[in-house]
């Protein structure tokens, strides 16, 4: 599992982990019932606190992305791919709505907003 932590990001480390694991699951790079590294192993690999890793796993479990089986490990939960994608689309729509409202507040045109989105999309 390839997770990259950015110390310069404003986003907390546990949220970076959550976001990246969710994306791996949604893209199918982590399959249903696939075993994840233990909390200690992942913390060691990422050179972060076990508490941070535990918090990320707890959030993923609360959201239904992973399940922990006592004494056996943590696994990717069986998922409804369409539901996962729908949740991601809802989140994207919410963020785009915020961006549009911010753009409108400074009188950006639709064309200017589209140009900004195009630039950001192509850079990513």
Protein backbone atom coordinates (compact mmCIF):
# COMPACT_ATOMS: atom_id res chain seq x y z
CA UNK A 1 0.00 0.00 0.00
CA UNK A 2 1.55 3.25 -1.17
CA UNK A 3 0.54 6.14 1.09
CA UNK A 4 2.31 9.46 0.86
CA UNK A 5 2.21 11.86 3.79
CA UNK A 6 2.80 15.54 3.20
CA UNK A 7 4.12 17.43 6.21
CA UNK A 8 3.52 20.72 4.39
CA UNK A 9 -0.20 20.01 3.93
CA UNK A 10 -2.78 21.82 6.06
CA UNK A 11 -4.70 18.55 6.18
CA UNK A 12 -4.07 16.46 9.32
CA UNK A 13 -1.98 13.33 8.75
CA UNK A 14 -4.78 10.95 9.76
CA UNK A 15 -7.09 12.57 7.19
CA UNK A 16 -4.43 12.19 4.50
CA UNK A 17 -4.29 8.48 5.30
CA UNK A 18 -8.10 8.16 5.32
CA UNK A 19 -8.43 9.94 1.98
CA UNK A 20 -5.75 7.85 0.29
CA UNK A 21 -7.08 4.52 1.57
CA UNK A 22 -10.62 5.48 0.50
CA UNK A 23 -9.32 6.30 -2.97
CA UNK A 24 -7.47 2.98 -3.18
CA UNK A 25 -10.67 1.14 -2.24
CA UNK A 26 -12.87 3.12 -4.64
CA UNK A 27 -10.42 2.59 -7.51
CA UNK A 28 -10.33 -1.13 -6.75
CA UNK A 29 -6.61 -1.10 -5.93
CA UNK A 30 -7.53 -2.50 -2.53
CA UNK A 31 -9.94 -5.39 -3.01
CA UNK A 32 -12.75 -6.51 -0.75
CA UNK A 33 -11.49 -8.66 2.14
CA UNK A 34 -7.88 -7.67 1.44
CA UNK A 35 -5.86 -7.46 4.63
CA UNK A 36 -4.44 -4.05 5.53
CA UNK A 37 -1.18 -3.55 7.39
CA UNK A 38 -1.51 -3.57 11.16
CA UNK A 39 -1.72 -0.21 12.88
CA UNK A 40 1.83 -0.63 14.17
CA UNK A 41 3.22 -1.71 10.79
CA UNK A 42 1.63 1.20 8.93
CA UNK A 43 2.78 3.66 11.59
CA UNK A 44 6.32 2.32 11.27
CA UNK A 45 6.25 2.46 7.44
CA UNK A 46 4.97 6.04 7.45
CA UNK A 47 7.16 7.04 10.41
CA UNK A 48 4.18 8.43 12.30
CA UNK A 49 2.51 7.83 15.64
CA UNK A 50 0.52 4.66 16.25
CA UNK A 51 -2.21 6.94 17.63
CA UNK A 52 -2.47 8.76 14.29
CA UNK A 53 -2.75 5.49 12.39
CA UNK A 54 -5.32 4.16 14.85
CA UNK A 55 -7.41 7.32 14.38
CA UNK A 56 -7.31 6.91 10.59
CA UNK A 57 -8.34 3.25 10.81
CA UNK A 58 -11.09 4.11 13.29
CA UNK A 59 -12.54 6.74 10.94
CA UNK A 60 -12.37 4.33 7.99
CA UNK A 61 -14.13 1.69 10.07
CA UNK A 62 -16.80 4.14 11.25
CA UNK A 63 -17.50 5.03 7.61
CA UNK A 64 -17.73 1.34 6.62
CA UNK A 65 -14.63 1.14 4.44
CA UNK A 66 -12.75 -1.35 6.62
CA UNK A 67 -13.53 -3.93 9.30
CA UNK A 68 -11.37 -5.16 12.13
CA UNK A 69 -11.59 -8.79 13.18
CA UNK A 70 -10.33 -9.20 16.72
CA UNK A 71 -7.12 -11.22 16.72
CA UNK A 72 -7.01 -11.54 12.92
CA UNK A 73 -6.46 -8.05 11.53
CA UNK A 74 -8.05 -5.27 9.54
CA UNK A 75 -9.63 -5.89 6.15
CA UNK A 76 -11.26 -3.93 3.35
CA UNK A 77 -15.00 -4.19 3.93
CA UNK A 78 -17.34 -5.58 1.30
CA UNK A 79 -18.50 -2.47 -0.53
CA UNK A 80 -21.19 -1.37 -2.87
CA UNK A 81 -19.01 0.37 -5.50
CA UNK A 82 -21.90 2.49 -6.77
CA UNK A 83 -22.65 3.73 -3.26
CA UNK A 84 -18.99 4.59 -2.72
CA UNK A 85 -18.87 6.47 -6.00
CA UNK A 86 -22.10 8.29 -5.14
CA UNK A 87 -20.63 9.39 -1.82
CA UNK A 88 -17.53 10.71 -3.59
CA UNK A 89 -19.67 12.56 -6.15
CA UNK A 90 -21.68 14.16 -3.34
CA UNK A 91 -18.47 15.35 -1.69
CA UNK A 92 -17.18 16.76 -5.01
CA UNK A 93 -20.47 18.58 -5.59
CA UNK A 94 -20.30 20.13 -2.12
CA UNK A 95 -16.74 21.38 -2.69
CA UNK A 96 -17.59 22.70 -6.15
CA UNK A 97 -20.62 24.49 -4.72
CA UNK A 98 -18.34 26.21 -2.20
CA UNK A 99 -15.95 27.17 -5.01
CA UNK A 100 -18.78 28.55 -7.17
CA UNK A 101 -20.12 30.60 -4.26
CA UNK A 102 -16.64 32.00 -3.62
CA UNK A 103 -16.23 32.78 -7.32
CA UNK A 104 -19.59 34.52 -7.50
CA UNK A 105 -18.72 36.60 -4.45
CA UNK A 106 -15.91 38.20 -6.48
CA UNK A 107 -17.93 38.29 -9.71
CA UNK A 108 -16.04 35.56 -11.60
CA UNK A 109 -17.79 34.50 -14.78
CA UNK A 110 -18.63 30.89 -15.57
CA UNK A 111 -15.91 30.91 -18.24
CA UNK A 112 -13.31 32.11 -15.72
CA UNK A 113 -14.39 29.39 -13.26
CA UNK A 114 -14.17 26.77 -16.00
CA UNK A 115 -10.68 27.95 -16.93
CA UNK A 116 -9.54 27.71 -13.31
CA UNK A 117 -11.03 24.21 -13.01
CA UNK A 118 -9.38 23.15 -16.28
CA UNK A 119 -5.97 24.36 -15.11
CA UNK A 120 -6.28 22.64 -11.73
CA UNK A 121 -7.56 19.42 -13.34
CA UNK A 122 -4.74 19.29 -15.86
CA UNK A 123 -2.07 19.97 -13.22
CA UNK A 124 -3.35 17.17 -10.98
